[in-house]
């Protein structure tokens, strides 16, 4: 059966202009991949120039009571994008709030010991914070609606005593060893409350002081001029076990994806590394998606319930993405050979494209 060993993380990801590739149980003090030797076409250039092609993305996905959501920040150097999407798990109704942030030195922090990534605009306050000393992660937001969207606010955080807490780091060639992609994945139990107030009827959708699960994913990579990515998060409970999984595929993946990828299953805080996956949608993005591997560990389908699509063009940057709430059906295999059967298991899938 497929397996990848998890070793102790290095103090620095880049050492003597080379990346410390591998899968790690834990995370380095900094997710910093600057300083690689000749990352593009083998031509040596100053690190501050090659660093302009490094892009960062921070996702925080959670599921509590009747709501599931995804908060995202994307650092394009010149500008930043922030977005939070909430779905009612019963009806599939979505609430989307996004913003463009003006230039600043760094949108997504590189430090993993503690950090804050935030948008402080009056109508779009969104903040993701973490402190590893106390295994603490939190999402807070207060966003104003309009004629279409209601006002929303909430606070979701991980408790101090968390048996679901798991820090993992994956440093992969992207796609060759001259460039790299570093990903920090942190799973957790969460508690919190969310209030969505409809303006006209003043009806309020509440998830008050609820327990649930969450996953935070921070990625930093040397990007191509044209990049494509699909990722999925499954978050829920099966037969009394807390389960979170992350499955992804992109054109930044390592050439040897069997040895280097970000796919992982976490059951009650215990991680299982998973093989590379193929994610397809033969019937269109609003129909059933198929997620499979070649090791017979992953055999899933994803059925969309609600799709949010967006296209953004700013000067020389173009990004399009579809963020989808839906349900997983099928089987995953743990490192102990245990079959985890999923039926109407809630999750999020996102397909994105970036052209520079």
Protein backbone atom coordinates (compact mmCIF):
# COMPACT_ATOMS: atom_id res chain seq x y z
CA UNK A 1 0.00 0.00 0.00
CA UNK A 2 1.15 3.53 -0.77
CA UNK A 3 2.94 5.45 1.99
CA UNK A 4 5.14 8.51 2.45
CA UNK A 5 7.19 8.97 5.59
CA UNK A 6 6.69 12.10 7.67
CA UNK A 7 9.98 13.37 9.11
CA UNK A 8 10.89 16.25 11.42
CA UNK A 9 10.79 19.67 9.71
CA UNK A 10 14.02 21.55 8.92
CA UNK A 11 14.87 24.84 10.60
CA UNK A 12 14.90 26.52 7.18
CA UNK A 13 13.20 25.43 3.96
CA UNK A 14 15.96 26.89 1.77
CA UNK A 15 19.50 25.89 2.75
CA UNK A 16 22.52 26.89 0.64
CA UNK A 17 20.20 27.96 -2.19
CA UNK A 18 18.54 24.52 -2.34
CA UNK A 19 15.18 23.40 -0.99
CA UNK A 20 14.79 20.75 1.71
CA UNK A 21 12.21 18.69 -0.18
CA UNK A 22 10.02 16.27 1.78
CA UNK A 23 6.89 15.64 3.87
CA UNK A 24 7.09 16.74 7.49
CA UNK A 25 5.19 16.15 10.71
CA UNK A 26 5.33 19.70 12.01
CA UNK A 27 6.29 22.97 10.36
CA UNK A 28 9.38 25.16 10.07
CA UNK A 29 9.43 28.54 11.85
CA UNK A 30 9.08 30.30 8.49
CA UNK A 31 7.41 29.37 5.19
CA UNK A 32 10.04 31.24 3.20
CA UNK A 33 11.20 29.91 -0.18
CA UNK A 34 13.20 32.91 -1.37
CA UNK A 35 16.82 32.47 -2.35
CA UNK A 36 16.78 29.42 -4.62
CA UNK A 37 19.57 29.32 -7.19
CA UNK A 38 18.42 30.11 -10.76
CA UNK A 39 14.75 29.05 -10.35
CA UNK A 40 13.78 30.05 -13.92
CA UNK A 41 15.46 28.59 -17.02
CA UNK A 42 18.69 28.03 -15.10
CA UNK A 43 19.59 31.73 -15.41
CA UNK A 44 21.05 33.23 -12.20
CA UNK A 45 19.19 36.42 -11.23
CA UNK A 46 19.09 38.39 -7.97
CA UNK A 47 16.74 36.82 -5.44
CA UNK A 48 14.60 39.96 -5.21
CA UNK A 49 13.76 39.58 -8.92
CA UNK A 50 12.97 35.85 -8.82
CA UNK A 51 11.00 36.55 -5.63
CA UNK A 52 8.52 38.61 -7.64
CA UNK A 53 7.22 35.35 -9.11
CA UNK A 54 6.52 33.90 -5.65
CA UNK A 55 2.80 34.04 -4.87
CA UNK A 56 1.10 33.17 -1.60
CA UNK A 57 -2.33 31.87 -0.73
CA UNK A 58 -3.98 31.37 2.65
CA UNK A 59 -7.22 29.39 3.06
CA UNK A 60 -9.27 28.77 6.20
CA UNK A 61 -12.17 26.34 5.73
CA UNK A 62 -14.58 25.39 8.51
CA UNK A 63 -17.83 23.57 9.16
CA UNK A 64 -19.99 24.34 12.19
CA UNK A 65 -23.59 23.28 12.76
CA UNK A 66 -25.64 24.34 9.70
CA UNK A 67 -22.93 26.43 7.99
CA UNK A 68 -19.76 25.69 6.02
CA UNK A 69 -17.38 28.39 4.84
CA UNK A 70 -14.09 29.30 3.20
CA UNK A 71 -12.03 32.44 3.86
CA UNK A 72 -9.16 33.14 1.42
CA UNK A 73 -6.35 35.61 0.94
CA UNK A 74 -4.21 35.72 -2.20
CA UNK A 75 -0.98 37.73 -2.36
CA UNK A 76 -0.16 38.92 -5.89
CA UNK A 77 2.60 41.30 -4.66
CA UNK A 78 1.06 44.36 -6.36
CA UNK A 79 -2.41 43.75 -4.91
CA UNK A 80 -4.13 41.34 -2.58
CA UNK A 81 -7.49 39.59 -2.84
CA UNK A 82 -9.65 38.70 0.13
CA UNK A 83 -12.85 36.67 0.07
CA UNK A 84 -15.17 34.84 2.43
CA UNK A 85 -17.92 32.50 1.22
CA UNK A 86 -20.57 30.98 3.48
CA UNK A 87 -23.09 28.28 2.60
CA UNK A 88 -26.19 27.02 4.39
CA UNK A 89 -25.61 23.25 4.41
CA UNK A 90 -29.34 22.52 4.41
CA UNK A 91 -30.48 24.77 1.54
CA UNK A 92 -27.20 25.37 -0.33
CA UNK A 93 -27.75 29.14 -0.25
CA UNK A 94 -24.46 31.04 -0.55
CA UNK A 95 -23.25 34.37 0.79
CA UNK A 96 -20.13 35.77 -0.91
CA UNK A 97 -18.06 38.80 0.13
CA UNK A 98 -14.84 39.79 -1.64
CA UNK A 99 -12.47 42.72 -1.71
CA UNK A 100 -9.33 44.00 -3.43
CA UNK A 101 -6.59 45.22 -1.09
CA UNK A 102 -4.12 47.96 -2.12
CA UNK A 103 -0.36 47.30 -2.19
CA UNK A 104 1.48 46.55 1.03
CA UNK A 105 4.82 44.97 1.89
CA UNK A 106 3.38 41.51 2.50
CA UNK A 107 -0.22 40.27 2.62
CA UNK A 108 0.38 36.71 3.82
CA UNK A 109 2.99 36.36 6.63
CA UNK A 110 5.89 33.93 6.30
CA UNK A 111 6.19 33.23 10.03
CA UNK A 112 4.39 30.18 11.39
CA UNK A 113 5.00 30.75 15.11
CA UNK A 114 2.40 33.50 15.14
CA UNK A 115 0.87 35.71 12.51
CA UNK A 116 -2.07 37.75 11.27
CA UNK A 117 -3.43 38.08 7.74
CA UNK A 118 -6.20 40.64 7.56
CA UNK A 119 -8.25 43.10 5.55
CA UNK A 120 -9.25 46.09 7.69
CA UNK A 121 -11.61 47.84 5.27
CA UNK A 122 -14.69 49.25 6.98
CA UNK A 123 -17.15 47.16 4.97
CA UNK A 124 -14.88 44.10 4.68
CA UNK A 125 -13.15 43.20 7.92
CA UNK A 126 -11.67 39.68 7.56
CA UNK A 127 -8.85 38.36 9.76
CA UNK A 128 -7.10 34.99 10.03
CA UNK A 129 -4.64 34.64 12.90
CA UNK A 130 -2.55 31.88 14.46
CA UNK A 131 -0.17 31.18 17.33
CA UNK A 132 1.47 27.74 17.34
CA UNK A 133 2.72 27.99 20.93
CA UNK A 134 -0.85 27.51 22.14
CA UNK A 135 -2.05 25.62 19.02
CA UNK A 136 -4.41 28.50 18.35
CA UNK A 137 -6.07 29.51 15.08
CA UNK A 138 -8.90 31.96 14.60
CA UNK A 139 -11.05 33.54 11.91
CA UNK A 140 -13.02 36.70 12.61
CA UNK A 141 -15.03 38.76 10.14
CA UNK A 142 -17.61 41.51 9.89
CA UNK A 143 -18.80 42.25 6.36
CA UNK A 144 -21.51 44.61 5.19
CA UNK A 145 -24.10 43.52 2.68
CA UNK A 146 -25.92 45.37 -0.08
CA UNK A 147 -29.18 45.01 -1.98
CA UNK A 148 -28.24 41.37 -2.73
CA UNK A 149 -26.14 40.23 0.23
CA UNK A 150 -27.07 40.46 3.92
CA UNK A 151 -24.73 41.65 6.68
CA UNK A 152 -22.61 38.88 8.22
CA UNK A 153 -20.28 38.58 11.15
CA UNK A 154 -18.65 35.75 13.04
CA UNK A 155 -15.79 34.41 15.08
CA UNK A 156 -14.39 30.87 14.72
CA UNK A 157 -11.45 29.64 16.79
CA UNK A 158 -9.68 26.44 17.82
CA UNK A 159 -9.85 25.45 21.53
CA UNK A 160 -6.72 25.08 23.67
CA UNK A 161 -7.11 21.33 24.26
CA UNK A 162 -7.53 20.02 20.74
CA UNK A 163 -7.15 16.32 19.95
CA UNK A 164 -7.71 17.08 16.26
CA UNK A 165 -4.76 19.47 16.01
CA UNK A 166 -2.18 18.40 13.43
CA UNK A 167 0.55 20.49 11.76
CA UNK A 168 2.00 19.17 8.51
CA UNK A 169 4.36 20.71 5.96
CA UNK A 170 5.01 19.62 2.39
CA UNK A 171 7.96 21.01 0.42
CA UNK A 172 7.72 19.86 -3.20
CA UNK A 173 9.62 20.46 -6.46
CA UNK A 174 7.51 22.73 -8.67
CA UNK A 175 7.77 20.89 -11.00
CA UNK A 176 11.57 20.42 -11.04
CA UNK A 177 14.05 20.85 -8.20
CA UNK A 178 15.10 24.34 -9.34
CA UNK A 179 11.77 25.70 -7.99
CA UNK A 180 9.67 24.69 -5.02
CA UNK A 181 6.23 24.92 -3.47
CA UNK A 182 5.84 24.91 0.32
CA UNK A 183 2.51 24.16 2.00
CA UNK A 184 1.58 24.28 5.69
CA UNK A 185 -1.60 22.37 6.58
CA UNK A 186 -3.13 22.66 10.04
CA UNK A 187 -6.27 20.77 11.07
CA UNK A 188 -8.29 21.51 14.19
CA UNK A 189 -11.52 21.37 16.10
CA UNK A 190 -13.30 24.73 16.12
CA UNK A 191 -15.87 26.58 18.15
CA UNK A 192 -17.64 29.79 17.32
CA UNK A 193 -20.69 31.67 16.19
CA UNK A 194 -21.86 33.24 12.93
CA UNK A 195 -24.74 35.65 12.34
CA UNK A 196 -26.20 36.39 8.89
CA UNK A 197 -28.94 39.04 9.01
CA UNK A 198 -31.33 39.43 6.10
CA UNK A 199 -32.03 43.14 5.63
CA UNK A 200 -35.59 43.07 4.32
CA UNK A 201 -37.17 40.48 6.58
CA UNK A 202 -34.63 40.85 9.40
CA UNK A 203 -34.49 37.07 9.58
CA UNK A 204 -31.22 35.91 11.08
CA UNK A 205 -29.37 32.73 10.21
CA UNK A 206 -27.43 31.79 13.31
CA UNK A 207 -24.76 29.26 14.16
CA UNK A 208 -24.41 30.20 17.81
CA UNK A 209 -21.64 28.84 20.07
CA UNK A 210 -21.30 25.73 17.93
CA UNK A 211 -18.61 23.06 17.67
CA UNK A 212 -17.13 21.89 14.41
CA UNK A 213 -13.93 21.28 12.44
CA UNK A 214 -11.56 23.45 10.44
CA UNK A 215 -8.46 23.37 8.23
CA UNK A 216 -5.98 26.15 7.48
CA UNK A 217 -3.72 25.87 4.42
CA UNK A 218 -0.89 28.30 3.65
CA UNK A 219 0.94 27.85 0.35
CA UNK A 220 3.87 29.74 -1.11
CA UNK A 221 5.23 28.79 -4.56
CA UNK A 222 7.20 29.94 -7.59
CA UNK A 223 4.42 30.42 -10.13
CA UNK A 224 4.40 29.90 -13.86
CA UNK A 225 3.03 32.55 -16.22
CA UNK A 226 -0.08 30.37 -16.57
CA UNK A 227 -1.07 28.30 -13.53
CA UNK A 228 -4.01 25.97 -12.94
CA UNK A 229 -5.09 24.28 -9.72
CA UNK A 230 -7.91 22.21 -8.28
CA UNK A 231 -8.20 21.52 -4.54
CA UNK A 232 -10.81 19.93 -2.31
CA UNK A 233 -11.44 19.98 1.44
CA UNK A 234 -13.63 17.37 3.13
CA UNK A 235 -14.70 18.32 6.66
CA UNK A 236 -17.03 16.27 8.83
CA UNK A 237 -17.73 13.26 11.01
CA UNK A 238 -18.06 9.56 10.08
CA UNK A 239 -19.21 7.06 12.70
CA UNK A 240 -18.02 9.23 15.57
CA UNK A 241 -14.61 10.00 14.00
CA UNK A 242 -13.55 13.53 13.13
CA UNK A 243 -12.25 13.54 9.55
CA UNK A 244 -10.58 16.20 7.41
CA UNK A 245 -8.87 15.63 4.09
CA UNK A 246 -7.02 17.78 1.57
CA UNK A 247 -6.72 16.63 -2.06
CA UNK A 248 -5.23 18.78 -4.81
CA UNK A 249 -3.69 18.75 -8.25
CA UNK A 250 -2.12 21.52 -10.36
CA UNK A 251 0.35 22.23 -13.16
CA UNK A 252 2.82 23.23 -10.41
CA UNK A 253 2.93 19.66 -9.06
CA UNK A 254 6.24 17.83 -8.84
CA UNK A 255 7.26 15.65 -11.77
CA UNK A 256 7.66 12.84 -9.21
CA UNK A 257 4.24 13.39 -7.60
CA UNK A 258 4.29 9.93 -5.98
CA UNK A 259 7.08 11.17 -3.70
CA UNK A 260 6.01 14.81 -3.39
CA UNK A 261 2.43 16.05 -3.03
CA UNK A 262 0.11 17.77 -0.52
CA UNK A 263 -2.59 15.10 -0.24
CA UNK A 264 -3.44 14.02 3.29
CA UNK A 265 -6.22 12.47 5.36
CA UNK A 266 -6.48 13.30 9.09
CA UNK A 267 -8.60 11.06 11.36
CA UNK A 268 -8.92 12.22 14.99
CA UNK A 269 -5.58 14.02 14.70
CA UNK A 270 -3.69 11.12 13.03
CA UNK A 271 -2.43 11.88 9.49
CA UNK A 272 -2.32 9.54 6.52
CA UNK A 273 -0.34 10.70 3.50
CA UNK A 274 -2.17 9.99 0.24
CA UNK A 275 -1.02 9.42 -3.35
CA UNK A 276 -1.45 11.92 -6.20
CA UNK A 277 -4.99 12.24 -7.52
CA UNK A 278 -6.78 12.85 -10.79
CA UNK A 279 -9.73 15.24 -10.49
CA UNK A 280 -12.04 15.44 -13.50
CA UNK A 281 -15.49 16.81 -14.33
CA UNK A 282 -16.61 14.99 -17.51
CA UNK A 283 -20.17 16.32 -17.25
CA UNK A 284 -19.39 19.99 -16.49
CA UNK A 285 -18.45 21.83 -13.29
CA UNK A 286 -22.03 21.86 -11.96
CA UNK A 287 -22.33 18.08 -12.35
CA UNK A 288 -20.56 15.19 -10.65
CA UNK A 289 -16.76 15.38 -10.26
CA UNK A 290 -14.58 12.24 -10.12
CA UNK A 291 -11.56 12.01 -7.78
CA UNK A 292 -9.37 8.91 -8.07
CA UNK A 293 -5.79 7.69 -7.71
CA UNK A 294 -3.80 4.74 -9.10
CA UNK A 295 -3.16 3.08 -5.69
CA UNK A 296 -6.78 2.15 -4.84
CA UNK A 297 -6.74 4.42 -1.77
CA UNK A 298 -8.98 7.16 -3.17
CA UNK A 299 -12.27 6.60 -4.98
CA UNK A 300 -14.58 9.58 -4.54
CA UNK A 301 -17.23 11.56 -6.35
CA UNK A 302 -18.13 15.16 -5.55
CA UNK A 303 -21.64 16.41 -6.29
CA UNK A 304 -22.00 20.22 -6.35
CA UNK A 305 -24.80 21.90 -4.45
CA UNK A 306 -23.87 25.56 -4.97
CA UNK A 307 -21.32 27.11 -7.36
CA UNK A 308 -19.72 30.55 -7.09
CA UNK A 309 -17.75 31.68 -10.16
CA UNK A 310 -15.62 34.79 -10.52
CA UNK A 311 -13.30 36.37 -13.09
CA UNK A 312 -10.93 39.23 -12.28
CA UNK A 313 -8.84 41.27 -14.74
CA UNK A 314 -6.39 43.84 -13.37
CA UNK A 315 -3.71 45.25 -15.71
CA UNK A 316 -1.53 42.21 -16.61
CA UNK A 317 -3.20 39.81 -14.18
CA UNK A 318 -6.16 37.59 -14.94
CA UNK A 319 -7.64 35.07 -12.54
CA UNK A 320 -10.77 32.95 -12.80
CA UNK A 321 -12.02 30.48 -10.24
CA UNK A 322 -15.06 28.41 -9.30
CA UNK A 323 -15.69 27.74 -5.61
CA UNK A 324 -18.17 24.94 -5.00
CA UNK A 325 -19.95 23.55 -1.97
CA UNK A 326 -21.10 19.96 -2.31
CA UNK A 327 -21.03 16.42 -0.99
CA UNK A 328 -18.52 13.59 -1.28
CA UNK A 329 -19.45 9.96 -1.83
CA UNK A 330 -17.07 7.04 -1.93
CA UNK A 331 -14.10 5.57 -0.07
CA UNK A 332 -10.74 6.66 1.34
CA UNK A 333 -8.20 4.24 2.80
CA UNK A 334 -6.21 5.12 5.94
CA UNK A 335 -2.58 4.12 6.61
CA UNK A 336 -3.88 1.21 8.74
CA UNK A 337 -5.90 -0.15 5.83
CA UNK A 338 -9.21 1.05 7.31
CA UNK A 339 -11.89 1.94 4.76
CA UNK A 340 -13.64 5.24 5.44
CA UNK A 341 -16.97 5.28 3.63
CA UNK A 342 -18.47 8.67 2.81
CA UNK A 343 -22.08 9.44 2.08
CA UNK A 344 -23.27 13.05 1.71
CA UNK A 345 -20.03 14.15 3.38
CA UNK A 346 -19.79 17.97 3.21
CA UNK A 347 -16.87 19.64 1.50
CA UNK A 348 -15.55 22.42 -0.72
CA UNK A 349 -13.90 22.24 -4.15
CA UNK A 350 -12.17 25.08 -5.94
CA UNK A 351 -10.87 25.19 -9.50
CA UNK A 352 -8.69 28.20 -10.33
CA UNK A 353 -6.59 29.67 -13.12
CA UNK A 354 -4.03 32.47 -12.87
CA UNK A 355 -2.34 34.17 -15.83
CA UNK A 356 0.40 36.74 -15.26
